[in-house]
Amino acid sequence: MKTTSARHIYRLGVAVVLLLTLVFTGCATQEDTARAQGTGIGAGIGAAVGAGLGYALGGAQGALIGAGVGAGLGAAGGYMYADQVAKRHEMLKGKEQDLNTRIAFAEAVNSDTRAYNQRLQKEVTDLEPKIASLETRMKAQRVTKEELDRQKQDLAQRIDYANKQLAAGQKELQDLQSFRAKQSSASPRLDAQIAALEANLEETKAHTAALASQSARI
């Protein structure tokens, strides 16, 4: 009975991701969409993870409490990241063609990308012992299909979210490159920021690929 309840709570967390993704599709602006996606994914993953931890500590009731707490914390974390992206776009309002504003914007995006890369690298590092343990248990046939499916779902959500962040960064890079191509005079500062963003996004791509590699192992 407890196992069934825990399974239902976990599925509820997954359902939150799907439902919020549909709801937020109709957001009015790019900034609103980014903020909403961060909130929805954070809340869904938080609910699912919180449910699992809560169940381990307090059975079905603990799972319910854990889902609620995890959803709240996950939503807060997702919103903070997406909101930072939205704030960067506010810098450009009314100054889209100003070179110095674009340089400042590029510097801010690079700072955000470096910070995100640090979090993503830590995520990959923290997951590695768990993936290695699952591999060992799989070889010994000591892991349940339910547990394996749950971990695969969790990784799929992480990879999907990471790919969306990568795509957003690549769009910013393309916009900066397009702006640079229209400039008639040299701008070493802007060129340096564009080159830095290219390197930072390559790192983002590598960390995202590492998540996908972990998923492939199970």
N, C-alpha and C. Protein backbone atom coordinates (compact mmCIF):
# COMPACT_ATOMS: atom_id res chain seq x y z
N MET A 1 0.82 -1.20 0.00
CA MET A 1 0.00 0.00 0.00
C MET A 1 0.87 1.26 0.00
N LYS A 2 1.92 1.26 0.82
CA LYS A 2 2.80 2.40 0.89
C LYS A 2 3.54 2.62 -0.42
N THR A 3 3.96 1.47 -1.05
CA THR A 3 4.67 1.58 -2.31
C THR A 3 3.80 2.21 -3.38
N THR A 4 2.52 1.80 -3.41
CA THR A 4 1.58 2.35 -4.38
C THR A 4 1.40 3.84 -4.15
N SER A 5 1.27 4.26 -2.89
CA SER A 5 1.09 5.68 -2.58
C SER A 5 2.31 6.48 -3.01
N ALA A 6 3.48 5.96 -2.73
CA ALA A 6 4.71 6.67 -3.12
C ALA A 6 4.78 6.81 -4.63
N ARG A 7 4.37 5.74 -5.33
CA ARG A 7 4.39 5.78 -6.79
C ARG A 7 3.44 6.85 -7.31
N HIS A 8 2.28 6.96 -6.71
CA HIS A 8 1.31 7.96 -7.11
C HIS A 8 1.84 9.37 -6.88
N ILE A 9 2.51 9.58 -5.75
CA ILE A 9 3.05 10.90 -5.46
C ILE A 9 4.14 11.27 -6.45
N TYR A 10 4.99 10.29 -6.76
CA TYR A 10 6.07 10.56 -7.71
C TYR A 10 5.49 10.92 -9.08
N ARG A 11 4.46 10.14 -9.50
CA ARG A 11 3.83 10.42 -10.78
C ARG A 11 3.18 11.80 -10.79
N LEU A 12 2.71 12.23 -9.64
CA LEU A 12 2.14 13.55 -9.53
C LEU A 12 3.19 14.61 -9.85
N GLY A 13 4.40 14.41 -9.35
CA GLY A 13 5.48 15.35 -9.64
C GLY A 13 5.77 15.42 -11.12
N VAL A 14 5.81 14.26 -11.77
CA VAL A 14 6.05 14.22 -13.22
C VAL A 14 4.91 14.92 -13.96
N ALA A 15 3.67 14.69 -13.49
CA ALA A 15 2.51 15.32 -14.12
C ALA A 15 2.57 16.83 -14.01
N VAL A 16 3.12 17.32 -12.92
CA VAL A 16 3.25 18.77 -12.74
C VAL A 16 4.10 19.37 -13.85
N VAL A 17 5.21 18.68 -14.19
CA VAL A 17 6.08 19.17 -15.26
C VAL A 17 5.30 19.30 -16.56
N LEU A 18 4.56 18.26 -16.92
CA LEU A 18 3.83 18.25 -18.18
C LEU A 18 2.73 19.30 -18.20
N LEU A 19 2.00 19.39 -17.10
CA LEU A 19 0.89 20.33 -17.03
C LEU A 19 1.38 21.77 -17.11
N LEU A 20 2.41 22.10 -16.33
CA LEU A 20 2.91 23.47 -16.32
C LEU A 20 3.54 23.84 -17.65
N THR A 21 4.14 22.87 -18.32
CA THR A 21 4.71 23.14 -19.63
C THR A 21 3.63 23.57 -20.61
N LEU A 22 2.45 22.88 -20.56
CA LEU A 22 1.34 23.23 -21.43
C LEU A 22 0.77 24.59 -21.07
N VAL A 23 0.63 24.84 -19.81
CA VAL A 23 0.04 26.11 -19.36
C VAL A 23 0.92 27.28 -19.77
N PHE A 24 2.25 27.12 -19.63
CA PHE A 24 3.16 28.23 -19.87
C PHE A 24 3.46 28.44 -21.35
N THR A 25 2.95 27.57 -22.21
CA THR A 25 3.20 27.71 -23.64
C THR A 25 2.61 29.02 -24.16
N GLY A 26 1.53 29.48 -23.53
CA GLY A 26 0.86 30.68 -23.98
C GLY A 26 1.39 31.95 -23.38
N CYS A 27 2.59 31.98 -22.83
CA CYS A 27 3.14 33.18 -22.21
C CYS A 27 3.32 34.28 -23.25
N ALA A 28 3.18 35.53 -22.82
CA ALA A 28 3.12 36.65 -23.75
C ALA A 28 4.46 36.99 -24.38
N THR A 29 5.56 36.89 -23.64
CA THR A 29 6.85 37.31 -24.15
C THR A 29 7.89 36.24 -23.97
N GLN A 30 9.04 36.43 -24.63
CA GLN A 30 10.14 35.47 -24.49
C GLN A 30 10.59 35.41 -23.05
N GLU A 31 10.65 36.58 -22.37
CA GLU A 31 11.08 36.61 -20.98
C GLU A 31 10.10 35.86 -20.09
N ASP A 32 8.78 36.07 -20.35
CA ASP A 32 7.77 35.37 -19.56
C ASP A 32 7.89 33.86 -19.75
N THR A 33 8.14 33.45 -21.00
CA THR A 33 8.25 32.02 -21.28
C THR A 33 9.44 31.41 -20.55
N ALA A 34 10.59 32.10 -20.61
CA ALA A 34 11.79 31.60 -19.93
C ALA A 34 11.54 31.48 -18.44
N ARG A 35 10.92 32.51 -17.85
CA ARG A 35 10.66 32.49 -16.41
C ARG A 35 9.70 31.35 -16.06
N ALA A 36 8.65 31.19 -16.87
CA ALA A 36 7.65 30.17 -16.59
C ALA A 36 8.21 28.77 -16.72
N GLN A 37 9.04 28.56 -17.75
CA GLN A 37 9.64 27.23 -17.93
C GLN A 37 10.54 26.89 -16.76
N GLY A 38 11.32 27.85 -16.31
CA GLY A 38 12.18 27.60 -15.17
C GLY A 38 11.39 27.25 -13.94
N THR A 39 10.30 27.98 -13.70
CA THR A 39 9.45 27.72 -12.55
C THR A 39 8.79 26.36 -12.64
N GLY A 40 8.21 26.05 -13.82
CA GLY A 40 7.49 24.79 -13.98
C GLY A 40 8.38 23.57 -13.85
N ILE A 41 9.51 23.61 -14.52
CA ILE A 41 10.43 22.47 -14.45
C ILE A 41 10.99 22.32 -13.06
N GLY A 42 11.35 23.43 -12.44
CA GLY A 42 11.87 23.37 -11.08
C GLY A 42 10.86 22.80 -10.12
N ALA A 43 9.59 23.24 -10.26
CA ALA A 43 8.55 22.75 -9.36
C ALA A 43 8.29 21.26 -9.57
N GLY A 44 8.25 20.84 -10.83
CA GLY A 44 7.97 19.43 -11.11
C GLY A 44 9.05 18.50 -10.61
N ILE A 45 10.31 18.85 -10.91
CA ILE A 45 11.42 18.02 -10.44
C ILE A 45 11.50 18.05 -8.93
N GLY A 46 11.29 19.24 -8.35
CA GLY A 46 11.33 19.36 -6.90
C GLY A 46 10.27 18.50 -6.24
N ALA A 47 9.07 18.48 -6.82
CA ALA A 47 7.99 17.67 -6.25
C ALA A 47 8.32 16.18 -6.31
N ALA A 48 8.86 15.75 -7.46
CA ALA A 48 9.19 14.33 -7.61
C ALA A 48 10.29 13.90 -6.66
N VAL A 49 11.36 14.70 -6.61
CA VAL A 49 12.48 14.36 -5.73
C VAL A 49 12.06 14.45 -4.26
N GLY A 50 11.31 15.51 -3.94
CA GLY A 50 10.84 15.67 -2.57
C GLY A 50 9.95 14.53 -2.14
N ALA A 51 9.15 14.03 -3.05
CA ALA A 51 8.28 12.90 -2.72
C ALA A 51 9.09 11.66 -2.37
N GLY A 52 10.15 11.42 -3.17
CA GLY A 52 10.97 10.24 -2.90
C GLY A 52 11.67 10.32 -1.57
N LEU A 53 12.24 11.48 -1.26
CA LEU A 53 12.93 11.66 0.01
C LEU A 53 11.94 11.59 1.18
N GLY A 54 10.79 12.23 0.98
CA GLY A 54 9.78 12.22 2.04
C GLY A 54 9.27 10.83 2.33
N TYR A 55 9.11 10.02 1.31
CA TYR A 55 8.62 8.67 1.52
C TYR A 55 9.64 7.83 2.28
N ALA A 56 10.92 8.06 1.94
CA ALA A 56 11.97 7.30 2.63
C ALA A 56 11.97 7.60 4.12
N LEU A 57 11.60 8.83 4.47
CA LEU A 57 11.63 9.22 5.87
C LEU A 57 10.32 9.00 6.59
N GLY A 58 9.23 9.15 5.86
CA GLY A 58 7.95 9.11 6.56
C GLY A 58 6.83 8.42 5.83
N GLY A 59 7.14 7.49 4.93
CA GLY A 59 6.09 6.75 4.25
C GLY A 59 5.27 7.65 3.33
N ALA A 60 4.03 7.25 3.07
CA ALA A 60 3.18 7.97 2.14
C ALA A 60 2.92 9.40 2.57
N GLN A 61 2.71 9.60 3.87
CA GLN A 61 2.47 10.95 4.37
C GLN A 61 3.71 11.81 4.18
N GLY A 62 4.87 11.24 4.45
CA GLY A 62 6.12 11.96 4.23
C GLY A 62 6.32 12.30 2.77
N ALA A 63 5.89 11.41 1.90
CA ALA A 63 6.01 11.66 0.46
C ALA A 63 5.16 12.86 0.05
N LEU A 64 3.96 12.93 0.61
CA LEU A 64 3.07 14.04 0.28
C LEU A 64 3.67 15.36 0.74
N ILE A 65 4.20 15.37 1.96
CA ILE A 65 4.82 16.59 2.49
C ILE A 65 6.07 16.93 1.67
N GLY A 66 6.88 15.92 1.39
CA GLY A 66 8.09 16.14 0.61
C GLY A 66 7.81 16.69 -0.77
N ALA A 67 6.73 16.21 -1.38
CA ALA A 67 6.35 16.71 -2.71
C ALA A 67 6.03 18.18 -2.66
N GLY A 68 5.30 18.58 -1.63
CA GLY A 68 4.93 19.98 -1.50
C GLY A 68 6.13 20.87 -1.26
N VAL A 69 6.99 20.45 -0.34
CA VAL A 69 8.19 21.23 -0.03
C VAL A 69 9.12 21.27 -1.24
N GLY A 70 9.31 20.11 -1.86
CA GLY A 70 10.21 20.05 -3.02
C GLY A 70 9.72 20.90 -4.17
N ALA A 71 8.40 20.91 -4.39
CA ALA A 71 7.83 21.73 -5.46
C ALA A 71 8.09 23.20 -5.20
N GLY A 72 7.93 23.61 -3.96
CA GLY A 72 8.15 25.01 -3.62
C GLY A 72 9.59 25.43 -3.81
N LEU A 73 10.52 24.59 -3.31
CA LEU A 73 11.93 24.91 -3.45
C LEU A 73 12.37 24.85 -4.91
N GLY A 74 11.87 23.86 -5.63
CA GLY A 74 12.23 23.73 -7.04
C GLY A 74 11.72 24.90 -7.85
N ALA A 75 10.50 25.34 -7.57
CA ALA A 75 9.94 26.48 -8.28
C ALA A 75 10.75 27.73 -8.00
N ALA A 76 11.17 27.91 -6.75
CA ALA A 76 11.96 29.08 -6.39
C ALA A 76 13.27 29.09 -7.14
N GLY A 77 13.96 27.91 -7.19
CA GLY A 77 15.23 27.83 -7.89
C GLY A 77 15.08 28.07 -9.38
N GLY A 78 14.04 27.46 -9.99
CA GLY A 78 13.80 27.64 -11.41
C GLY A 78 13.49 29.09 -11.75
N TYR A 79 12.67 29.74 -10.90
CA TYR A 79 12.29 31.13 -11.15
C TYR A 79 13.50 32.04 -11.07
N MET A 80 14.39 31.83 -10.12
CA MET A 80 15.55 32.69 -9.95
C MET A 80 16.43 32.68 -11.20
N TYR A 81 16.62 31.53 -11.79
CA TYR A 81 17.47 31.45 -12.98
C TYR A 81 16.80 32.14 -14.16
N ALA A 82 15.54 31.81 -14.40
CA ALA A 82 14.82 32.39 -15.53
C ALA A 82 14.66 33.89 -15.38
N ASP A 83 14.45 34.34 -14.15
CA ASP A 83 14.27 35.77 -13.90
C ASP A 83 15.55 36.54 -14.21
N GLN A 84 16.69 35.91 -13.93
CA GLN A 84 17.97 36.55 -14.24
C GLN A 84 18.12 36.74 -15.74
N VAL A 85 17.69 35.74 -16.52
CA VAL A 85 17.75 35.84 -17.97
C VAL A 85 16.86 36.98 -18.44
N ALA A 86 15.67 37.07 -17.88
CA ALA A 86 14.72 38.13 -18.26
C ALA A 86 15.28 39.52 -17.94
N LYS A 87 15.93 39.65 -16.80
CA LYS A 87 16.50 40.95 -16.42
C LYS A 87 17.57 41.42 -17.39
N ARG A 88 18.30 40.48 -17.94
CA ARG A 88 19.33 40.86 -18.90
C ARG A 88 18.71 41.49 -20.13
N HIS A 89 17.57 41.00 -20.56
CA HIS A 89 16.91 41.56 -21.75
C HIS A 89 16.38 42.97 -21.46
N GLU A 90 16.05 43.23 -20.21
CA GLU A 90 15.57 44.56 -19.86
C GLU A 90 16.64 45.62 -20.10
N MET A 91 17.90 45.21 -20.04
CA MET A 91 19.00 46.15 -20.28
C MET A 91 18.95 46.73 -21.69
N LEU A 92 18.40 45.98 -22.62
CA LEU A 92 18.41 46.39 -24.03
C LEU A 92 17.21 47.23 -24.43
N LYS A 93 16.20 47.28 -23.62
CA LYS A 93 14.98 48.00 -24.00
C LYS A 93 15.26 49.47 -24.28
N GLY A 94 14.95 49.88 -25.50
CA GLY A 94 15.17 51.26 -25.91
C GLY A 94 16.60 51.57 -26.28
N LYS A 95 17.51 50.60 -26.12
CA LYS A 95 18.93 50.82 -26.41
C LYS A 95 19.49 49.68 -27.26
N GLU A 96 18.62 49.08 -28.05
CA GLU A 96 19.03 47.89 -28.81
C GLU A 96 20.22 48.14 -29.75
N GLN A 97 20.34 49.37 -30.25
CA GLN A 97 21.40 49.67 -31.21
C GLN A 97 22.61 50.35 -30.59
N ASP A 98 22.62 50.51 -29.27
CA ASP A 98 23.72 51.16 -28.59
C ASP A 98 24.85 50.15 -28.33
N LEU A 99 26.03 50.45 -28.82
CA LEU A 99 27.15 49.52 -28.73
C LEU A 99 27.55 49.23 -27.29
N ASN A 100 27.69 50.26 -26.48
CA ASN A 100 28.12 50.06 -25.10
C ASN A 100 27.11 49.24 -24.30
N THR A 101 25.82 49.44 -24.60
CA THR A 101 24.78 48.66 -23.92
C THR A 101 24.87 47.20 -24.33
N ARG A 102 25.15 46.96 -25.60
CA ARG A 102 25.30 45.57 -26.07
C ARG A 102 26.50 44.90 -25.43
N ILE A 103 27.56 45.65 -25.26
CA ILE A 103 28.76 45.09 -24.63
C ILE A 103 28.46 44.72 -23.18
N ALA A 104 27.77 45.63 -22.48
CA ALA A 104 27.40 45.36 -21.08
C ALA A 104 26.46 44.16 -21.00
N PHE A 105 25.54 44.06 -21.96
CA PHE A 105 24.62 42.93 -22.01
C PHE A 105 25.40 41.63 -22.21
N ALA A 106 26.35 41.65 -23.15
CA ALA A 106 27.15 40.45 -23.43
C ALA A 106 27.96 40.03 -22.21
N GLU A 107 28.51 41.01 -21.50
CA GLU A 107 29.26 40.71 -20.28
C GLU A 107 28.36 40.03 -19.25
N ALA A 108 27.12 40.53 -19.12
CA ALA A 108 26.18 39.96 -18.15
C ALA A 108 25.78 38.54 -18.54
N VAL A 109 25.54 38.32 -19.83
CA VAL A 109 25.17 36.98 -20.30
C VAL A 109 26.32 36.01 -20.08
N ASN A 110 27.55 36.47 -20.31
CA ASN A 110 28.71 35.62 -20.06
C ASN A 110 28.82 35.26 -18.58
N SER A 111 28.56 36.22 -17.72
CA SER A 111 28.60 35.96 -16.28
C SER A 111 27.56 34.92 -15.90
N ASP A 112 26.35 35.06 -16.45
CA ASP A 112 25.28 34.09 -16.17
C ASP A 112 25.64 32.71 -16.69
N THR A 113 26.23 32.67 -17.87
CA THR A 113 26.58 31.39 -18.49
C THR A 113 27.67 30.68 -17.69
N ARG A 114 28.64 31.43 -17.22
CA ARG A 114 29.69 30.82 -16.39
C ARG A 114 29.10 30.26 -15.09
N ALA A 115 28.20 31.02 -14.48
CA ALA A 115 27.57 30.56 -13.24
C ALA A 115 26.73 29.31 -13.50
N TYR A 116 26.01 29.31 -14.62
CA TYR A 116 25.19 28.13 -14.96
C TYR A 116 26.08 26.92 -15.22
N ASN A 117 27.21 27.13 -15.89
CA ASN A 117 28.13 26.02 -16.15
C ASN A 117 28.65 25.41 -14.86
N GLN A 118 28.91 26.24 -13.88
CA GLN A 118 29.37 25.73 -12.58
C GLN A 118 28.31 24.86 -11.93
N ARG A 119 27.05 25.31 -12.01
CA ARG A 119 25.96 24.52 -11.42
C ARG A 119 25.76 23.21 -12.18
N LEU A 120 25.85 23.31 -13.52
CA LEU A 120 25.65 22.12 -14.34
C LEU A 120 26.76 21.11 -14.12
N GLN A 121 27.98 21.59 -14.01
CA GLN A 121 29.12 20.69 -13.73
C GLN A 121 28.95 20.00 -12.39
N LYS A 122 28.51 20.76 -11.39
CA LYS A 122 28.27 20.18 -10.06
C LYS A 122 27.16 19.13 -10.13
N GLU A 123 26.14 19.40 -10.92
CA GLU A 123 25.04 18.45 -11.07
C GLU A 123 25.54 17.13 -11.64
N VAL A 124 26.37 17.21 -12.67
CA VAL A 124 26.94 16.00 -13.28
C VAL A 124 27.81 15.26 -12.28
N THR A 125 28.64 16.00 -11.55
CA THR A 125 29.53 15.40 -10.56
C THR A 125 28.75 14.71 -9.45
N ASP A 126 27.71 15.38 -8.96
CA ASP A 126 26.91 14.82 -7.87
C ASP A 126 26.13 13.58 -8.31
N LEU A 127 25.77 13.52 -9.58
CA LEU A 127 25.01 12.38 -10.09
C LEU A 127 25.88 11.14 -10.32
N GLU A 128 27.16 11.34 -10.56
CA GLU A 128 28.04 10.25 -10.96
C GLU A 128 28.04 9.06 -9.99
N PRO A 129 28.17 9.29 -8.67
CA PRO A 129 28.16 8.12 -7.76
C PRO A 129 26.84 7.34 -7.85
N LYS A 130 25.75 8.05 -8.02
CA LYS A 130 24.45 7.37 -8.11
C LYS A 130 24.36 6.54 -9.39
N ILE A 131 24.84 7.08 -10.50
CA ILE A 131 24.81 6.34 -11.77
C ILE A 131 25.73 5.13 -11.69
N ALA A 132 26.92 5.32 -11.11
CA ALA A 132 27.87 4.21 -10.97
C ALA A 132 27.29 3.10 -10.11
N SER A 133 26.60 3.49 -9.04
CA SER A 133 25.96 2.50 -8.17
C SER A 133 24.87 1.73 -8.91
N LEU A 134 24.10 2.45 -9.70
CA LEU A 134 23.05 1.79 -10.48
C LEU A 134 23.64 0.81 -11.48
N GLU A 135 24.73 1.20 -12.12
CA GLU A 135 25.40 0.31 -13.07
C GLU A 135 25.82 -0.99 -12.39
N THR A 136 26.43 -0.87 -11.22
CA THR A 136 26.88 -2.04 -10.48
C THR A 136 25.70 -2.94 -10.10
N ARG A 137 24.65 -2.33 -9.61
CA ARG A 137 23.46 -3.09 -9.21
C ARG A 137 22.75 -3.71 -10.40
N MET A 138 22.80 -3.03 -11.55
CA MET A 138 22.20 -3.59 -12.76
C MET A 138 22.92 -4.87 -13.18
N LYS A 139 24.24 -4.83 -13.11
CA LYS A 139 25.02 -6.01 -13.49
C LYS A 139 24.74 -7.19 -12.56
N ALA A 140 24.47 -6.85 -11.28
CA ALA A 140 24.16 -7.89 -10.31
C ALA A 140 22.67 -8.20 -10.25
N GLN A 141 21.90 -7.54 -11.14
CA GLN A 141 20.44 -7.71 -11.19
C GLN A 141 19.80 -7.45 -9.82
N ARG A 142 20.22 -6.35 -9.21
CA ARG A 142 19.72 -5.99 -7.88
C ARG A 142 19.00 -4.64 -7.89
N VAL A 143 18.51 -4.25 -9.06
CA VAL A 143 17.78 -2.99 -9.17
C VAL A 143 16.41 -3.26 -9.80
N THR A 144 15.38 -2.61 -9.27
CA THR A 144 14.03 -2.83 -9.78
C THR A 144 13.79 -1.99 -11.04
N LYS A 145 12.89 -2.44 -11.87
CA LYS A 145 12.54 -1.70 -13.09
C LYS A 145 11.96 -0.34 -12.73
N GLU A 146 11.20 -0.29 -11.65
CA GLU A 146 10.58 0.96 -11.23
C GLU A 146 11.65 1.99 -10.87
N GLU A 147 12.66 1.57 -10.13
CA GLU A 147 13.73 2.49 -9.73
C GLU A 147 14.51 2.96 -10.95
N LEU A 148 14.76 2.04 -11.87
CA LEU A 148 15.50 2.37 -13.08
C LEU A 148 14.72 3.37 -13.93
N ASP A 149 13.43 3.11 -14.10
CA ASP A 149 12.58 4.01 -14.88
C ASP A 149 12.52 5.39 -14.24
N ARG A 150 12.48 5.41 -12.90
CA ARG A 150 12.41 6.68 -12.19
C ARG A 150 13.68 7.51 -12.43
N GLN A 151 14.84 6.84 -12.39
CA GLN A 151 16.10 7.55 -12.61
C GLN A 151 16.21 8.02 -14.06
N LYS A 152 15.73 7.22 -14.99
CA LYS A 152 15.76 7.60 -16.40
C LYS A 152 14.88 8.82 -16.63
N GLN A 153 13.71 8.85 -16.00
CA GLN A 153 12.82 10.00 -16.13
C GLN A 153 13.47 11.26 -15.57
N ASP A 154 14.11 11.11 -14.43
CA ASP A 154 14.78 12.25 -13.81
C ASP A 154 15.88 12.80 -14.72
N LEU A 155 16.69 11.90 -15.29
CA LEU A 155 17.76 12.33 -16.18
C LEU A 155 17.21 12.96 -17.46
N ALA A 156 16.12 12.39 -17.97
CA ALA A 156 15.51 12.94 -19.19
C ALA A 156 15.05 14.38 -18.96
N GLN A 157 14.49 14.64 -17.78
CA GLN A 157 14.06 16.00 -17.45
C GLN A 157 15.25 16.94 -17.33
N ARG A 158 16.30 16.47 -16.70
CA ARG A 158 17.51 17.29 -16.55
C ARG A 158 18.12 17.62 -17.91
N ILE A 159 18.19 16.62 -18.79
CA ILE A 159 18.77 16.82 -20.11
C ILE A 159 17.92 17.77 -20.94
N ASP A 160 16.61 17.61 -20.86
CA ASP A 160 15.71 18.50 -21.60
C ASP A 160 15.89 19.94 -21.15
N TYR A 161 15.96 20.13 -19.84
CA TYR A 161 16.12 21.48 -19.30
C TYR A 161 17.47 22.07 -19.71
N ALA A 162 18.52 21.25 -19.64
CA ALA A 162 19.86 21.73 -20.02
C ALA A 162 19.91 22.10 -21.49
N ASN A 163 19.25 21.32 -22.34
CA ASN A 163 19.22 21.63 -23.77
C ASN A 163 18.49 22.94 -24.04
N LYS A 164 17.46 23.21 -23.26
CA LYS A 164 16.74 24.48 -23.43
C LYS A 164 17.61 25.66 -23.03
N GLN A 165 18.39 25.50 -21.97
CA GLN A 165 19.29 26.58 -21.56
C GLN A 165 20.37 26.80 -22.62
N LEU A 166 20.87 25.69 -23.18
CA LEU A 166 21.88 25.78 -24.23
C LEU A 166 21.33 26.50 -25.45
N ALA A 167 20.11 26.16 -25.83
CA ALA A 167 19.48 26.79 -26.99
C ALA A 167 19.29 28.28 -26.76
N ALA A 168 18.91 28.65 -25.53
CA ALA A 168 18.72 30.06 -25.20
C ALA A 168 20.05 30.81 -25.31
N GLY A 169 21.12 30.21 -24.81
CA GLY A 169 22.44 30.84 -24.90
C GLY A 169 22.91 30.98 -26.33
N GLN A 170 22.64 29.96 -27.14
CA GLN A 170 23.03 30.01 -28.55
C GLN A 170 22.27 31.10 -29.30
N LYS A 171 21.02 31.32 -28.91
CA LYS A 171 20.24 32.39 -29.54
C LYS A 171 20.84 33.76 -29.19
N GLU A 172 21.25 33.92 -27.93
CA GLU A 172 21.87 35.18 -27.53
C GLU A 172 23.16 35.39 -28.32
N LEU A 173 23.91 34.32 -28.52
CA LEU A 173 25.16 34.41 -29.28
C LEU A 173 24.87 34.83 -30.72
N GLN A 174 23.87 34.22 -31.33
CA GLN A 174 23.51 34.56 -32.71
C GLN A 174 23.07 36.02 -32.83
N ASP A 175 22.31 36.50 -31.85
CA ASP A 175 21.85 37.89 -31.87
C ASP A 175 23.04 38.85 -31.75
N LEU A 176 24.00 38.51 -30.89
CA LEU A 176 25.18 39.35 -30.73
C LEU A 176 26.03 39.35 -32.00
N GLN A 177 26.15 38.18 -32.61
CA GLN A 177 26.92 38.09 -33.86
C GLN A 177 26.25 38.89 -34.97
N SER A 178 24.93 38.85 -35.01
CA SER A 178 24.18 39.62 -36.01
C SER A 178 24.37 41.12 -35.79
N PHE A 179 24.30 41.52 -34.53
CA PHE A 179 24.51 42.93 -34.20
C PHE A 179 25.92 43.37 -34.60
N ARG A 180 26.91 42.52 -34.29
CA ARG A 180 28.30 42.84 -34.61
C ARG A 180 28.49 43.00 -36.11
N ALA A 181 27.85 42.16 -36.90
CA ALA A 181 28.01 42.20 -38.35
C ALA A 181 27.49 43.51 -38.95
N LYS A 182 26.60 44.17 -38.24
CA LYS A 182 26.03 45.43 -38.75
C LYS A 182 26.85 46.65 -38.35
N GLN A 183 27.86 46.45 -37.50
CA GLN A 183 28.68 47.57 -37.06
C GLN A 183 29.74 47.90 -38.10
N SER A 184 29.88 49.19 -38.39
CA SER A 184 30.85 49.62 -39.42
C SER A 184 32.25 49.82 -38.85
N SER A 185 32.33 50.02 -37.54
CA SER A 185 33.64 50.25 -36.92
C SER A 185 34.07 49.06 -36.08
N ALA A 186 35.37 49.01 -35.78
CA ALA A 186 35.90 47.91 -34.98
C ALA A 186 35.42 48.03 -33.53
N SER A 187 35.27 46.87 -32.88
CA SER A 187 34.87 46.84 -31.46
C SER A 187 35.53 45.64 -30.79
N PRO A 188 36.78 45.82 -30.40
CA PRO A 188 37.50 44.72 -29.75
C PRO A 188 36.80 44.20 -28.50
N ARG A 189 36.17 45.09 -27.73
CA ARG A 189 35.48 44.68 -26.50
C ARG A 189 34.31 43.76 -26.81
N LEU A 190 33.53 44.11 -27.82
CA LEU A 190 32.39 43.26 -28.18
C LEU A 190 32.88 41.94 -28.77
N ASP A 191 33.93 42.01 -29.59
CA ASP A 191 34.49 40.79 -30.16
C ASP A 191 34.97 39.84 -29.07
N ALA A 192 35.57 40.41 -28.03
CA ALA A 192 36.07 39.59 -26.92
C ALA A 192 34.93 38.92 -26.18
N GLN A 193 33.83 39.64 -25.99
CA GLN A 193 32.69 39.07 -25.28
C GLN A 193 32.01 37.98 -26.11
N ILE A 194 31.95 38.19 -27.42
CA ILE A 194 31.36 37.17 -28.30
C ILE A 194 32.21 35.90 -28.28
N ALA A 195 33.53 36.08 -28.34
CA ALA A 195 34.43 34.92 -28.29
C ALA A 195 34.31 34.19 -26.95
N ALA A 196 34.16 34.96 -25.87
CA ALA A 196 34.01 34.35 -24.54
C ALA A 196 32.71 33.57 -24.44
N LEU A 197 31.64 34.12 -25.03
CA LEU A 197 30.35 33.43 -24.98
C LEU A 197 30.40 32.14 -25.80
N GLU A 198 31.10 32.17 -26.92
CA GLU A 198 31.27 30.95 -27.72
C GLU A 198 31.95 29.87 -26.89
N ALA A 199 33.00 30.24 -26.18
CA ALA A 199 33.73 29.27 -25.35
C ALA A 199 32.86 28.78 -24.19
N ASN A 200 32.14 29.69 -23.57
CA ASN A 200 31.27 29.31 -22.45
C ASN A 200 30.18 28.35 -22.89
N LEU A 201 29.62 28.58 -24.07
CA LEU A 201 28.55 27.71 -24.57
C LEU A 201 29.09 26.35 -24.99
N GLU A 202 30.34 26.31 -25.42
CA GLU A 202 30.96 25.01 -25.70
C GLU A 202 31.07 24.19 -24.42
N GLU A 203 31.37 24.87 -23.32
CA GLU A 203 31.42 24.19 -22.03
C GLU A 203 30.03 23.72 -21.62
N THR A 204 29.03 24.57 -21.85
CA THR A 204 27.64 24.18 -21.55
C THR A 204 27.26 22.93 -22.33
N LYS A 205 27.66 22.93 -23.60
CA LYS A 205 27.37 21.78 -24.47
C LYS A 205 28.04 20.51 -23.95
N ALA A 206 29.26 20.65 -23.46
CA ALA A 206 30.00 19.49 -22.94
C ALA A 206 29.34 18.94 -21.68
N HIS A 207 28.91 19.81 -20.79
CA HIS A 207 28.24 19.35 -19.57
C HIS A 207 26.89 18.70 -19.89
N THR A 208 26.19 19.26 -20.86
CA THR A 208 24.91 18.68 -21.27
C THR A 208 25.12 17.29 -21.88
N ALA A 209 26.18 17.17 -22.67
CA ALA A 209 26.52 15.87 -23.26
C ALA A 209 26.89 14.87 -22.17
N ALA A 210 27.52 15.34 -21.10
CA ALA A 210 27.89 14.46 -19.98
C ALA A 210 26.64 13.91 -19.31
N LEU A 211 25.61 14.74 -19.17
CA LEU A 211 24.33 14.26 -18.62
C LEU A 211 23.74 13.18 -19.51
N ALA A 212 23.77 13.44 -20.82
CA ALA A 212 23.23 12.45 -21.76
C ALA A 212 24.02 11.14 -21.70
N SER A 213 25.33 11.25 -21.52
CA SER A 213 26.17 10.05 -21.39
C SER A 213 25.81 9.26 -20.16
N GLN A 214 25.54 9.95 -19.06
CA GLN A 214 25.12 9.26 -17.84
C GLN A 214 23.81 8.52 -18.06
N SER A 215 22.91 9.17 -18.76
CA SER A 215 21.62 8.54 -19.03
C SER A 215 21.78 7.28 -19.88
N ALA A 216 22.68 7.35 -20.86
CA ALA A 216 22.90 6.21 -21.76
C ALA A 216 23.45 4.99 -21.03
N ARG A 217 24.10 5.22 -19.91
CA ARG A 217 24.71 4.11 -19.16
C ARG A 217 23.69 3.26 -18.41
N ILE A 218 22.49 3.80 -18.25
CA ILE A 218 21.46 3.00 -17.57
C ILE A 218 20.27 2.75 -18.48
